[in-house]
N, C-alpha and C. Protein backbone atom coordinates (compact mmCIF):
# COMPACT_ATOMS: atom_id res chain seq x y z
N MET A 1 163.72 -1.56 -133.32
CA MET A 1 162.94 -1.98 -132.17
C MET A 1 161.69 -1.12 -132.03
N LEU A 2 161.84 0.17 -132.21
CA LEU A 2 160.68 1.07 -132.16
C LEU A 2 159.66 0.71 -133.22
N LEU A 3 160.16 0.39 -134.43
CA LEU A 3 159.27 0.04 -135.53
C LEU A 3 158.48 -1.22 -135.22
N PHE A 4 159.17 -2.26 -134.76
CA PHE A 4 158.50 -3.52 -134.51
C PHE A 4 157.50 -3.43 -133.36
N VAL A 5 157.84 -2.69 -132.32
CA VAL A 5 156.95 -2.62 -131.16
C VAL A 5 155.74 -1.74 -131.42
N TYR A 6 155.98 -0.54 -131.95
CA TYR A 6 154.89 0.44 -132.06
C TYR A 6 154.14 0.40 -133.38
N VAL A 7 154.76 -0.13 -134.44
CA VAL A 7 154.08 -0.19 -135.74
C VAL A 7 153.54 -1.59 -136.00
N PHE A 8 154.41 -2.61 -135.86
CA PHE A 8 153.99 -3.97 -136.15
C PHE A 8 153.60 -4.76 -134.91
N GLY A 9 153.96 -4.27 -133.74
CA GLY A 9 153.81 -5.05 -132.52
C GLY A 9 152.41 -5.54 -132.25
N GLY A 10 151.41 -4.68 -132.46
CA GLY A 10 150.03 -5.08 -132.18
C GLY A 10 149.58 -6.24 -133.03
N ALA A 11 149.93 -6.22 -134.31
CA ALA A 11 149.52 -7.29 -135.21
C ALA A 11 150.32 -8.57 -134.96
N ILE A 12 151.62 -8.42 -134.75
CA ILE A 12 152.47 -9.60 -134.59
C ILE A 12 152.18 -10.32 -133.29
N SER A 13 151.92 -9.56 -132.23
CA SER A 13 151.73 -10.19 -130.92
C SER A 13 150.29 -10.62 -130.68
N HIS A 14 149.42 -10.45 -131.69
CA HIS A 14 148.03 -10.90 -131.59
C HIS A 14 147.32 -10.31 -130.37
N GLY A 15 147.48 -9.01 -130.18
CA GLY A 15 146.72 -8.34 -129.14
C GLY A 15 147.44 -8.19 -127.82
N ALA A 16 148.64 -8.74 -127.70
CA ALA A 16 149.39 -8.55 -126.46
C ALA A 16 149.81 -7.10 -126.34
N SER A 17 150.07 -6.65 -125.12
CA SER A 17 150.48 -5.27 -124.93
C SER A 17 151.85 -5.03 -125.52
N SER A 18 152.14 -3.75 -125.84
CA SER A 18 153.44 -3.44 -126.43
C SER A 18 154.57 -3.79 -125.48
N GLY A 19 154.33 -3.65 -124.17
CA GLY A 19 155.37 -3.97 -123.20
C GLY A 19 155.72 -5.44 -123.20
N SER A 20 154.69 -6.32 -123.27
CA SER A 20 154.96 -7.75 -123.27
C SER A 20 155.63 -8.18 -124.57
N TYR A 21 155.24 -7.59 -125.69
CA TYR A 21 155.90 -7.94 -126.96
C TYR A 21 157.32 -7.40 -126.98
N LEU A 22 157.56 -6.29 -126.33
CA LEU A 22 158.92 -5.76 -126.24
C LEU A 22 159.83 -6.77 -125.55
N GLY A 23 159.35 -7.38 -124.49
CA GLY A 23 160.13 -8.40 -123.80
C GLY A 23 160.39 -9.61 -124.68
N TYR A 24 159.41 -9.95 -125.51
CA TYR A 24 159.58 -11.07 -126.44
C TYR A 24 160.59 -10.73 -127.52
N LEU A 25 160.54 -9.49 -127.98
CA LEU A 25 161.34 -9.04 -129.12
C LEU A 25 162.80 -8.75 -128.76
N LEU A 26 163.05 -8.29 -127.55
CA LEU A 26 164.36 -7.75 -127.18
C LEU A 26 165.53 -8.70 -127.45
N PRO A 27 165.46 -9.99 -127.11
CA PRO A 27 166.62 -10.85 -127.37
C PRO A 27 167.04 -10.88 -128.83
N GLY A 28 166.07 -10.92 -129.74
CA GLY A 28 166.39 -10.91 -131.16
C GLY A 28 167.03 -9.62 -131.60
N ILE A 29 166.56 -8.50 -131.06
CA ILE A 29 167.15 -7.20 -131.40
C ILE A 29 168.59 -7.13 -130.92
N LEU A 30 168.87 -7.69 -129.76
CA LEU A 30 170.24 -7.71 -129.24
C LEU A 30 171.17 -8.48 -130.18
N LEU A 31 170.71 -9.63 -130.67
CA LEU A 31 171.54 -10.42 -131.57
C LEU A 31 171.72 -9.73 -132.91
N MET A 32 170.69 -9.05 -133.39
CA MET A 32 170.82 -8.29 -134.64
C MET A 32 171.79 -7.13 -134.48
N THR A 33 171.80 -6.52 -133.31
CA THR A 33 172.74 -5.44 -133.02
C THR A 33 174.18 -5.92 -133.13
N VAL A 34 174.44 -7.09 -132.56
CA VAL A 34 175.78 -7.67 -132.63
C VAL A 34 176.15 -8.00 -134.08
N ALA A 35 175.23 -8.65 -134.80
CA ALA A 35 175.50 -9.04 -136.19
C ALA A 35 175.81 -7.83 -137.05
N SER A 36 175.10 -6.74 -136.80
CA SER A 36 175.36 -5.52 -137.55
C SER A 36 176.69 -4.90 -137.15
N GLY A 37 177.01 -4.95 -135.88
CA GLY A 37 178.23 -4.31 -135.38
C GLY A 37 179.51 -4.97 -135.83
N VAL A 38 179.50 -6.30 -135.97
CA VAL A 38 180.75 -6.98 -136.31
C VAL A 38 181.18 -6.71 -137.76
N SER A 39 180.27 -6.21 -138.58
CA SER A 39 180.66 -5.89 -139.96
C SER A 39 181.76 -4.82 -139.99
N TYR A 40 181.76 -3.96 -138.98
CA TYR A 40 182.79 -2.92 -138.91
C TYR A 40 184.16 -3.52 -138.64
N THR A 41 184.18 -4.66 -137.94
CA THR A 41 185.45 -5.34 -137.70
C THR A 41 186.06 -5.80 -139.02
N ALA A 42 185.23 -6.41 -139.87
CA ALA A 42 185.71 -6.84 -141.18
C ALA A 42 186.21 -5.65 -141.99
N PHE A 43 185.48 -4.54 -141.91
CA PHE A 43 185.88 -3.33 -142.63
C PHE A 43 187.25 -2.83 -142.15
N ARG A 44 187.45 -2.80 -140.83
CA ARG A 44 188.72 -2.28 -140.29
C ARG A 44 189.89 -3.20 -140.64
N ILE A 45 189.66 -4.51 -140.58
CA ILE A 45 190.73 -5.44 -140.93
C ILE A 45 191.08 -5.33 -142.41
N PHE A 46 190.05 -5.22 -143.25
CA PHE A 46 190.30 -5.05 -144.69
C PHE A 46 191.11 -3.78 -144.94
N THR A 47 190.75 -2.71 -144.25
CA THR A 47 191.48 -1.44 -144.42
C THR A 47 192.93 -1.58 -143.99
N ASP A 48 193.17 -2.25 -142.87
CA ASP A 48 194.54 -2.45 -142.40
C ASP A 48 195.34 -3.32 -143.36
N MET A 49 194.68 -4.31 -143.95
CA MET A 49 195.38 -5.17 -144.91
C MET A 49 195.79 -4.40 -146.15
N THR A 50 194.91 -3.55 -146.64
CA THR A 50 195.19 -2.84 -147.89
C THR A 50 196.14 -1.66 -147.70
N THR A 51 196.24 -1.15 -146.49
CA THR A 51 197.14 0.00 -146.25
C THR A 51 198.51 -0.43 -145.72
N GLY A 52 198.70 -1.73 -145.52
CA GLY A 52 200.01 -2.22 -145.11
C GLY A 52 200.28 -2.20 -143.62
N ILE A 53 199.25 -1.95 -142.81
CA ILE A 53 199.45 -1.92 -141.36
C ILE A 53 199.92 -3.27 -140.84
N PHE A 54 199.35 -4.35 -141.38
CA PHE A 54 199.72 -5.68 -140.92
C PHE A 54 201.20 -5.96 -141.18
N GLY A 55 201.70 -5.49 -142.32
CA GLY A 55 203.11 -5.68 -142.63
C GLY A 55 204.01 -4.97 -141.64
N ARG A 56 203.61 -3.80 -141.21
CA ARG A 56 204.42 -3.05 -140.25
C ARG A 56 204.45 -3.75 -138.89
N PHE A 57 203.29 -4.26 -138.47
CA PHE A 57 203.25 -4.96 -137.18
C PHE A 57 204.06 -6.25 -137.23
N ARG A 58 204.15 -6.86 -138.42
CA ARG A 58 204.88 -8.12 -138.54
C ARG A 58 206.35 -7.95 -138.20
N SER A 59 206.88 -6.75 -138.44
CA SER A 59 208.29 -6.49 -138.16
C SER A 59 208.55 -6.14 -136.70
N MET A 60 207.48 -6.04 -135.91
CA MET A 60 207.63 -5.70 -134.50
C MET A 60 207.64 -6.96 -133.64
N PRO A 61 208.26 -6.90 -132.46
CA PRO A 61 208.36 -8.08 -131.59
C PRO A 61 207.06 -8.34 -130.81
N ILE A 62 206.00 -8.64 -131.54
CA ILE A 62 204.71 -8.96 -130.91
C ILE A 62 204.18 -10.25 -131.51
N ALA A 63 203.29 -10.90 -130.78
CA ALA A 63 202.70 -12.14 -131.29
C ALA A 63 201.95 -11.87 -132.59
N ARG A 64 202.04 -12.80 -133.52
CA ARG A 64 201.38 -12.61 -134.80
C ARG A 64 199.87 -12.45 -134.64
N SER A 65 199.32 -13.19 -133.70
CA SER A 65 197.87 -13.13 -133.50
C SER A 65 197.44 -11.88 -132.74
N GLY A 66 198.41 -11.12 -132.20
CA GLY A 66 198.07 -9.95 -131.39
C GLY A 66 197.29 -8.91 -132.16
N VAL A 67 197.60 -8.76 -133.45
CA VAL A 67 196.89 -7.76 -134.26
C VAL A 67 195.42 -8.13 -134.39
N LEU A 68 195.17 -9.40 -134.68
CA LEU A 68 193.78 -9.84 -134.81
C LEU A 68 193.03 -9.73 -133.49
N TRP A 69 193.71 -10.13 -132.41
CA TRP A 69 193.06 -10.04 -131.10
C TRP A 69 192.72 -8.60 -130.73
N SER A 70 193.55 -7.66 -131.14
CA SER A 70 193.24 -6.25 -130.85
C SER A 70 191.95 -5.83 -131.55
N HIS A 71 191.77 -6.29 -132.80
CA HIS A 71 190.54 -5.99 -133.52
C HIS A 71 189.34 -6.66 -132.85
N VAL A 72 189.53 -7.91 -132.44
CA VAL A 72 188.43 -8.66 -131.83
C VAL A 72 188.00 -8.02 -130.51
N LEU A 73 188.96 -7.65 -129.69
CA LEU A 73 188.62 -7.09 -128.38
C LEU A 73 188.00 -5.69 -128.50
N THR A 74 188.49 -4.88 -129.44
CA THR A 74 187.86 -3.57 -129.63
C THR A 74 186.45 -3.73 -130.17
N SER A 75 186.24 -4.74 -131.02
CA SER A 75 184.89 -5.03 -131.51
C SER A 75 183.98 -5.45 -130.36
N LEU A 76 184.52 -6.26 -129.46
CA LEU A 76 183.73 -6.70 -128.31
C LEU A 76 183.29 -5.51 -127.47
N VAL A 77 184.21 -4.61 -127.18
CA VAL A 77 183.88 -3.43 -126.37
C VAL A 77 182.84 -2.56 -127.08
N ALA A 78 183.05 -2.32 -128.38
CA ALA A 78 182.11 -1.49 -129.14
C ALA A 78 180.73 -2.10 -129.17
N ASN A 79 180.65 -3.42 -129.34
CA ASN A 79 179.35 -4.07 -129.38
C ASN A 79 178.67 -4.09 -128.02
N LEU A 80 179.45 -4.20 -126.96
CA LEU A 80 178.86 -4.15 -125.62
C LEU A 80 178.27 -2.77 -125.34
N VAL A 81 178.92 -1.72 -125.85
CA VAL A 81 178.35 -0.38 -125.72
C VAL A 81 177.03 -0.29 -126.49
N SER A 82 177.00 -0.84 -127.70
CA SER A 82 175.77 -0.84 -128.50
C SER A 82 174.66 -1.61 -127.79
N ILE A 83 175.02 -2.74 -127.19
CA ILE A 83 174.04 -3.54 -126.45
C ILE A 83 173.49 -2.75 -125.27
N ALA A 84 174.37 -2.03 -124.57
CA ALA A 84 173.93 -1.21 -123.45
C ALA A 84 172.95 -0.14 -123.91
N VAL A 85 173.20 0.44 -125.08
CA VAL A 85 172.28 1.45 -125.63
C VAL A 85 170.92 0.82 -125.93
N VAL A 86 170.92 -0.38 -126.51
CA VAL A 86 169.67 -1.08 -126.80
C VAL A 86 168.90 -1.34 -125.51
N PHE A 87 169.59 -1.79 -124.48
CA PHE A 87 168.93 -2.01 -123.19
C PHE A 87 168.35 -0.70 -122.65
N GLY A 88 169.10 0.39 -122.79
CA GLY A 88 168.61 1.67 -122.32
C GLY A 88 167.33 2.09 -123.02
N VAL A 89 167.30 1.91 -124.34
CA VAL A 89 166.10 2.24 -125.11
C VAL A 89 164.95 1.33 -124.69
N ALA A 90 165.24 0.04 -124.50
CA ALA A 90 164.20 -0.91 -124.10
C ALA A 90 163.59 -0.53 -122.75
N PHE A 91 164.43 -0.18 -121.79
CA PHE A 91 163.91 0.24 -120.48
C PHE A 91 163.09 1.52 -120.61
N ALA A 92 163.53 2.44 -121.47
CA ALA A 92 162.77 3.67 -121.67
C ALA A 92 161.41 3.38 -122.30
N MET A 93 161.32 2.31 -123.10
CA MET A 93 160.07 1.94 -123.75
C MET A 93 159.15 1.13 -122.84
N GLY A 94 159.65 0.76 -121.66
CA GLY A 94 158.80 0.04 -120.72
C GLY A 94 159.21 -1.38 -120.42
N PHE A 95 160.35 -1.81 -120.92
CA PHE A 95 160.81 -3.17 -120.63
C PHE A 95 161.14 -3.32 -119.16
N ARG A 96 160.62 -4.37 -118.55
CA ARG A 96 160.92 -4.68 -117.16
C ARG A 96 161.14 -6.18 -117.03
N THR A 97 162.00 -6.56 -116.12
CA THR A 97 162.27 -7.98 -115.91
C THR A 97 162.50 -8.25 -114.43
N GLY A 98 162.07 -9.41 -114.01
CA GLY A 98 162.31 -9.82 -112.64
C GLY A 98 163.54 -10.70 -112.51
N ALA A 99 164.37 -10.70 -113.55
CA ALA A 99 165.57 -11.54 -113.54
C ALA A 99 166.51 -11.14 -112.41
N GLY A 100 167.08 -12.13 -111.75
CA GLY A 100 168.03 -11.86 -110.68
C GLY A 100 169.43 -11.62 -111.20
N VAL A 101 170.35 -11.44 -110.28
CA VAL A 101 171.74 -11.16 -110.65
C VAL A 101 172.34 -12.30 -111.46
N ALA A 102 172.07 -13.54 -111.05
CA ALA A 102 172.62 -14.69 -111.77
C ALA A 102 172.12 -14.74 -113.20
N ALA A 103 170.84 -14.45 -113.39
CA ALA A 103 170.28 -14.46 -114.74
C ALA A 103 170.90 -13.37 -115.60
N TRP A 104 171.12 -12.19 -115.02
CA TRP A 104 171.75 -11.11 -115.77
C TRP A 104 173.18 -11.47 -116.16
N PHE A 105 173.91 -12.11 -115.25
CA PHE A 105 175.27 -12.55 -115.59
C PHE A 105 175.24 -13.59 -116.70
N ALA A 106 174.25 -14.48 -116.65
CA ALA A 106 174.13 -15.49 -117.70
C ALA A 106 173.85 -14.84 -119.05
N VAL A 107 172.94 -13.85 -119.06
CA VAL A 107 172.65 -13.13 -120.31
C VAL A 107 173.90 -12.42 -120.82
N ALA A 108 174.62 -11.77 -119.92
CA ALA A 108 175.85 -11.08 -120.32
C ALA A 108 176.86 -12.05 -120.90
N GLY A 109 177.01 -13.21 -120.27
CA GLY A 109 177.94 -14.21 -120.77
C GLY A 109 177.56 -14.71 -122.15
N ILE A 110 176.26 -14.93 -122.36
CA ILE A 110 175.79 -15.38 -123.67
C ILE A 110 176.07 -14.33 -124.74
N LEU A 111 175.78 -13.08 -124.43
CA LEU A 111 176.00 -12.01 -125.41
C LEU A 111 177.48 -11.81 -125.71
N ILE A 112 178.33 -11.94 -124.70
CA ILE A 112 179.77 -11.82 -124.92
C ILE A 112 180.27 -12.96 -125.80
N LEU A 113 179.84 -14.19 -125.50
CA LEU A 113 180.26 -15.34 -126.29
C LEU A 113 179.76 -15.23 -127.73
N TYR A 114 178.52 -14.78 -127.89
CA TYR A 114 177.95 -14.61 -129.24
C TYR A 114 178.74 -13.55 -130.01
N THR A 115 179.08 -12.47 -129.33
CA THR A 115 179.86 -11.40 -129.99
C THR A 115 181.24 -11.89 -130.39
N LEU A 116 181.90 -12.63 -129.52
CA LEU A 116 183.22 -13.17 -129.86
C LEU A 116 183.14 -14.12 -131.05
N ALA A 117 182.12 -14.97 -131.06
CA ALA A 117 181.97 -15.93 -132.16
C ALA A 117 181.79 -15.20 -133.49
N LEU A 118 180.87 -14.24 -133.53
CA LEU A 118 180.62 -13.53 -134.78
C LEU A 118 181.79 -12.63 -135.17
N THR A 119 182.50 -12.10 -134.19
CA THR A 119 183.64 -11.25 -134.51
C THR A 119 184.74 -12.06 -135.19
N TRP A 120 184.98 -13.27 -134.72
CA TRP A 120 185.98 -14.11 -135.38
C TRP A 120 185.51 -14.54 -136.76
N VAL A 121 184.20 -14.70 -136.93
CA VAL A 121 183.67 -14.94 -138.28
C VAL A 121 183.98 -13.73 -139.16
N ALA A 122 183.83 -12.53 -138.61
CA ALA A 122 184.06 -11.29 -139.38
C ALA A 122 185.52 -11.14 -139.78
N VAL A 123 186.42 -11.71 -139.01
CA VAL A 123 187.85 -11.59 -139.33
C VAL A 123 188.15 -12.21 -140.70
N ILE A 124 187.49 -13.32 -141.02
CA ILE A 124 187.80 -14.05 -142.26
C ILE A 124 187.51 -13.22 -143.50
N PRO A 125 186.30 -12.66 -143.67
CA PRO A 125 186.09 -11.80 -144.85
C PRO A 125 186.95 -10.54 -144.81
N GLY A 126 187.29 -10.07 -143.63
CA GLY A 126 188.18 -8.92 -143.54
C GLY A 126 189.54 -9.21 -144.13
N LEU A 127 190.00 -10.45 -143.99
CA LEU A 127 191.30 -10.85 -144.52
C LEU A 127 191.25 -11.25 -145.98
N THR A 128 190.10 -11.74 -146.45
CA THR A 128 190.03 -12.34 -147.78
C THR A 128 189.27 -11.51 -148.81
N ALA A 129 188.50 -10.53 -148.39
CA ALA A 129 187.66 -9.78 -149.33
C ALA A 129 188.50 -9.00 -150.33
N LYS A 130 187.91 -8.78 -151.50
CA LYS A 130 188.57 -8.02 -152.56
C LYS A 130 188.15 -6.55 -152.57
N SER A 131 187.10 -6.22 -151.81
CA SER A 131 186.61 -4.85 -151.77
C SER A 131 186.02 -4.56 -150.41
N ILE A 132 185.80 -3.28 -150.12
CA ILE A 132 185.21 -2.89 -148.84
C ILE A 132 183.79 -3.44 -148.72
N SER A 133 183.03 -3.36 -149.79
CA SER A 133 181.65 -3.87 -149.74
C SER A 133 181.63 -5.37 -149.51
N GLY A 134 182.60 -6.08 -150.08
CA GLY A 134 182.68 -7.51 -149.83
C GLY A 134 183.05 -7.83 -148.40
N ALA A 135 183.90 -7.00 -147.81
CA ALA A 135 184.32 -7.23 -146.42
C ALA A 135 183.17 -7.04 -145.44
N SER A 136 182.40 -5.99 -145.64
CA SER A 136 181.32 -5.70 -144.68
C SER A 136 180.00 -6.37 -145.04
N GLY A 137 179.84 -6.77 -146.31
CA GLY A 137 178.56 -7.34 -146.75
C GLY A 137 178.29 -8.73 -146.22
N PHE A 138 179.31 -9.40 -145.67
CA PHE A 138 179.10 -10.76 -145.16
C PHE A 138 178.06 -10.80 -144.05
N SER A 139 177.87 -9.67 -143.36
CA SER A 139 176.99 -9.65 -142.18
C SER A 139 175.51 -9.70 -142.53
N TYR A 140 175.15 -9.48 -143.79
CA TYR A 140 173.73 -9.46 -144.15
C TYR A 140 173.02 -10.77 -143.81
N PRO A 141 173.59 -11.93 -144.14
CA PRO A 141 172.92 -13.17 -143.73
C PRO A 141 172.79 -13.30 -142.21
N LEU A 142 173.80 -12.81 -141.47
CA LEU A 142 173.74 -12.89 -140.01
C LEU A 142 172.62 -12.01 -139.46
N ILE A 143 172.42 -10.85 -140.08
CA ILE A 143 171.34 -9.96 -139.65
C ILE A 143 169.99 -10.56 -140.02
N PHE A 144 169.94 -11.30 -141.13
CA PHE A 144 168.68 -11.88 -141.60
C PHE A 144 168.25 -13.08 -140.75
N LEU A 145 169.19 -13.84 -140.20
CA LEU A 145 168.86 -15.07 -139.47
C LEU A 145 167.79 -14.90 -138.40
N PRO A 146 167.83 -13.84 -137.57
CA PRO A 146 166.77 -13.69 -136.57
C PRO A 146 165.36 -13.60 -137.14
N PHE A 147 165.23 -13.15 -138.40
CA PHE A 147 163.90 -13.07 -139.00
C PHE A 147 163.32 -14.46 -139.27
N VAL A 148 164.20 -15.46 -139.40
CA VAL A 148 163.73 -16.84 -139.61
C VAL A 148 164.08 -17.64 -138.36
N SER A 149 163.61 -17.16 -137.24
CA SER A 149 163.83 -17.81 -135.95
C SER A 149 162.65 -17.47 -135.06
N SER A 150 162.81 -17.75 -133.78
CA SER A 150 161.75 -17.41 -132.82
C SER A 150 161.89 -15.99 -132.29
N ALA A 151 162.72 -15.16 -132.94
CA ALA A 151 162.99 -13.82 -132.43
C ALA A 151 161.77 -12.92 -132.47
N PHE A 152 160.93 -13.07 -133.50
CA PHE A 152 159.80 -12.15 -133.67
C PHE A 152 158.45 -12.82 -133.49
N VAL A 153 158.35 -14.08 -133.88
CA VAL A 153 157.10 -14.84 -133.70
C VAL A 153 157.47 -16.26 -133.30
N PRO A 154 156.56 -16.98 -132.64
CA PRO A 154 156.85 -18.38 -132.30
C PRO A 154 157.05 -19.21 -133.56
N THR A 155 157.96 -20.16 -133.52
CA THR A 155 158.20 -21.00 -134.68
C THR A 155 157.00 -21.87 -135.02
N SER A 156 156.12 -22.08 -134.06
CA SER A 156 154.92 -22.90 -134.30
C SER A 156 153.98 -22.26 -135.31
N THR A 157 154.12 -20.97 -135.56
CA THR A 157 153.25 -20.27 -136.51
C THR A 157 153.79 -20.34 -137.94
N MET A 158 154.96 -20.94 -138.13
CA MET A 158 155.60 -20.96 -139.45
C MET A 158 155.22 -22.21 -140.22
N PRO A 159 155.22 -22.14 -141.56
CA PRO A 159 154.98 -23.34 -142.37
C PRO A 159 156.11 -24.35 -142.20
N GLY A 160 155.83 -25.61 -142.52
CA GLY A 160 156.71 -26.73 -142.25
C GLY A 160 158.19 -26.55 -142.50
N PRO A 161 158.64 -26.35 -143.75
CA PRO A 161 160.08 -26.24 -144.02
C PRO A 161 160.73 -25.05 -143.31
N VAL A 162 160.01 -23.92 -143.27
CA VAL A 162 160.55 -22.74 -142.60
C VAL A 162 160.66 -22.99 -141.10
N ARG A 163 159.65 -23.66 -140.55
CA ARG A 163 159.69 -23.98 -139.12
C ARG A 163 160.87 -24.90 -138.79
N TRP A 164 161.10 -25.89 -139.65
CA TRP A 164 162.22 -26.81 -139.41
C TRP A 164 163.54 -26.04 -139.39
N PHE A 165 163.72 -25.16 -140.37
CA PHE A 165 164.95 -24.37 -140.41
C PHE A 165 165.07 -23.48 -139.18
N ALA A 166 163.96 -22.81 -138.81
CA ALA A 166 163.98 -21.89 -137.67
C ALA A 166 164.34 -22.61 -136.38
N GLU A 167 163.86 -23.83 -136.23
CA GLU A 167 164.10 -24.57 -134.99
C GLU A 167 165.47 -25.24 -134.94
N ASN A 168 166.17 -25.26 -136.08
CA ASN A 168 167.45 -25.95 -136.13
C ASN A 168 168.60 -25.05 -136.55
N GLN A 169 168.44 -23.76 -136.39
CA GLN A 169 169.52 -22.82 -136.65
C GLN A 169 169.93 -22.18 -135.33
N PRO A 170 171.12 -21.58 -135.25
CA PRO A 170 171.66 -21.17 -133.94
C PRO A 170 170.92 -20.05 -133.23
N VAL A 171 170.24 -19.17 -133.96
CA VAL A 171 169.64 -18.00 -133.31
C VAL A 171 168.50 -18.39 -132.37
N THR A 172 167.67 -19.36 -132.78
CA THR A 172 166.49 -19.70 -131.98
C THR A 172 166.83 -20.15 -130.56
N PRO A 173 167.73 -21.11 -130.33
CA PRO A 173 168.03 -21.47 -128.94
C PRO A 173 168.67 -20.35 -128.14
N ILE A 174 169.45 -19.49 -128.81
CA ILE A 174 170.06 -18.36 -128.10
C ILE A 174 168.99 -17.37 -127.66
N VAL A 175 168.09 -17.03 -128.59
CA VAL A 175 167.00 -16.11 -128.28
C VAL A 175 166.11 -16.68 -127.18
N ASP A 176 165.75 -17.95 -127.31
CA ASP A 176 164.87 -18.57 -126.31
C ASP A 176 165.52 -18.60 -124.93
N THR A 177 166.81 -18.87 -124.89
CA THR A 177 167.51 -18.90 -123.60
C THR A 177 167.49 -17.53 -122.93
N ILE A 178 167.82 -16.49 -123.68
CA ILE A 178 167.82 -15.14 -123.11
C ILE A 178 166.41 -14.76 -122.67
N ARG A 179 165.43 -15.08 -123.48
CA ARG A 179 164.03 -14.75 -123.15
C ARG A 179 163.60 -15.45 -121.86
N HIS A 180 163.95 -16.72 -121.70
CA HIS A 180 163.57 -17.45 -120.50
C HIS A 180 164.30 -16.92 -119.27
N LEU A 181 165.56 -16.53 -119.45
CA LEU A 181 166.30 -15.96 -118.32
C LEU A 181 165.66 -14.66 -117.84
N PHE A 182 165.26 -13.81 -118.77
CA PHE A 182 164.60 -12.56 -118.38
C PHE A 182 163.25 -12.81 -117.73
N ALA A 183 162.57 -13.86 -118.16
CA ALA A 183 161.24 -14.16 -117.63
C ALA A 183 161.30 -14.99 -116.35
N GLY A 184 162.49 -15.40 -115.94
CA GLY A 184 162.62 -16.22 -114.75
C GLY A 184 162.10 -17.62 -114.93
N GLN A 185 162.13 -18.12 -116.18
CA GLN A 185 161.62 -19.45 -116.50
C GLN A 185 162.78 -20.42 -116.69
N PRO A 186 162.52 -21.73 -116.55
CA PRO A 186 163.58 -22.72 -116.80
C PRO A 186 164.06 -22.65 -118.25
N VAL A 187 165.36 -22.75 -118.44
CA VAL A 187 165.91 -22.65 -119.80
C VAL A 187 165.99 -24.01 -120.49
N SER A 188 165.71 -25.09 -119.76
CA SER A 188 165.73 -26.46 -120.29
C SER A 188 167.03 -26.73 -121.05
N ASN A 189 166.90 -27.44 -122.18
CA ASN A 189 168.10 -27.78 -122.96
C ASN A 189 168.54 -26.66 -123.89
N ASP A 190 167.74 -25.62 -123.99
CA ASP A 190 168.06 -24.53 -124.92
C ASP A 190 169.44 -23.94 -124.65
N ILE A 191 169.78 -23.79 -123.38
CA ILE A 191 171.05 -23.15 -123.06
C ILE A 191 172.24 -23.99 -123.53
N TRP A 192 172.11 -25.32 -123.45
CA TRP A 192 173.21 -26.18 -123.89
C TRP A 192 173.32 -26.19 -125.41
N ILE A 193 172.18 -26.17 -126.08
CA ILE A 193 172.20 -26.09 -127.54
C ILE A 193 172.80 -24.75 -127.97
N ALA A 194 172.38 -23.68 -127.29
CA ALA A 194 172.91 -22.35 -127.61
C ALA A 194 174.42 -22.30 -127.40
N LEU A 195 174.88 -22.81 -126.26
CA LEU A 195 176.32 -22.82 -125.99
C LEU A 195 177.08 -23.66 -127.00
N GLY A 196 176.49 -24.81 -127.38
CA GLY A 196 177.12 -25.66 -128.37
C GLY A 196 177.31 -24.95 -129.70
N TRP A 197 176.26 -24.24 -130.15
CA TRP A 197 176.36 -23.47 -131.39
C TRP A 197 177.43 -22.39 -131.29
N MET A 198 177.40 -21.62 -130.22
CA MET A 198 178.32 -20.49 -130.10
C MET A 198 179.77 -20.94 -129.97
N VAL A 199 180.02 -21.95 -129.14
CA VAL A 199 181.38 -22.45 -128.98
C VAL A 199 181.87 -23.07 -130.29
N GLY A 200 180.99 -23.82 -130.96
CA GLY A 200 181.36 -24.43 -132.23
C GLY A 200 181.72 -23.39 -133.28
N ILE A 201 180.88 -22.37 -133.41
CA ILE A 201 181.16 -21.29 -134.37
C ILE A 201 182.45 -20.57 -134.02
N LEU A 202 182.65 -20.32 -132.73
CA LEU A 202 183.86 -19.62 -132.28
C LEU A 202 185.12 -20.42 -132.63
N LEU A 203 185.11 -21.71 -132.35
CA LEU A 203 186.29 -22.54 -132.60
C LEU A 203 186.59 -22.65 -134.09
N VAL A 204 185.54 -22.87 -134.89
CA VAL A 204 185.74 -23.00 -136.34
C VAL A 204 186.22 -21.67 -136.92
N ALA A 205 185.58 -20.57 -136.51
CA ALA A 205 185.95 -19.25 -137.05
C ALA A 205 187.36 -18.85 -136.61
N PHE A 206 187.70 -19.09 -135.35
CA PHE A 206 189.04 -18.76 -134.86
C PHE A 206 190.10 -19.54 -135.62
N THR A 207 189.87 -20.85 -135.78
CA THR A 207 190.84 -21.68 -136.50
C THR A 207 190.98 -21.22 -137.95
N GLY A 208 189.83 -20.98 -138.61
CA GLY A 208 189.87 -20.53 -139.99
C GLY A 208 190.55 -19.18 -140.14
N ALA A 209 190.26 -18.27 -139.23
CA ALA A 209 190.86 -16.93 -139.29
C ALA A 209 192.37 -16.99 -139.12
N MET A 210 192.84 -17.81 -138.18
CA MET A 210 194.28 -17.91 -137.95
C MET A 210 194.99 -18.55 -139.14
N LEU A 211 194.37 -19.55 -139.76
CA LEU A 211 194.97 -20.18 -140.94
C LEU A 211 195.08 -19.18 -142.09
N VAL A 212 194.00 -18.43 -142.32
CA VAL A 212 194.01 -17.44 -143.39
C VAL A 212 195.04 -16.35 -143.10
N TYR A 213 195.10 -15.91 -141.85
CA TYR A 213 196.02 -14.84 -141.47
C TYR A 213 197.47 -15.27 -141.67
N ARG A 214 197.80 -16.48 -141.25
CA ARG A 214 199.17 -16.96 -141.41
C ARG A 214 199.55 -17.08 -142.89
N ARG A 215 198.59 -17.49 -143.71
CA ARG A 215 198.87 -17.58 -145.14
C ARG A 215 199.06 -16.19 -145.75
N LYS A 216 198.30 -15.23 -145.26
CA LYS A 216 198.38 -13.88 -145.81
C LYS A 216 199.70 -13.19 -145.47
N ILE A 217 200.21 -13.44 -144.27
CA ILE A 217 201.41 -12.70 -143.85
C ILE A 217 202.70 -13.48 -144.10
N SER A 218 202.57 -14.72 -144.58
CA SER A 218 203.78 -15.52 -144.80
C SER A 218 204.47 -15.14 -146.11
């Protein structure tokens, strides 16, 4: 965030102040923080699989999915702490918003749902990877997605095929929704598209993770 605002910010924002570009940039940085953080979930699950922890829990009188949920919930807490740190740095750099309590709750809900969705995605490589690098490396495309979205520059500045991809991938409506909430602007249909993407990813990832997990422990 420091690099983009203070080194590239002047050129990217076409003369806008660093504070205004910081507000534009922040939603994308938040999503990148989550994408980077969930890789540790895959790493921890892979480690537990290879050390036999899952086998030990299987012999205990607990729900089979309880082990995965413990990883998911600890990942959620850890990522929320990271998000809080990012907000702290942003406020120290001059970020200000007139968003009300309802808007802040909406932003928090979006970030929690996004974190849950990506964390369940992370569970799958954690269960199936053959190496530690394979388990944690899945997150690289997730970290890259904001670069091909509206996170750093408007999609209208992109060439045709890139613009089409940027406008039709999940990060753009999520970023735009958070940005509009902070700016006190109408979120239009972006919020429903964002929710559709996040809920869809969450359901598919959760179902896939549970199927893989049951096959692994059976």
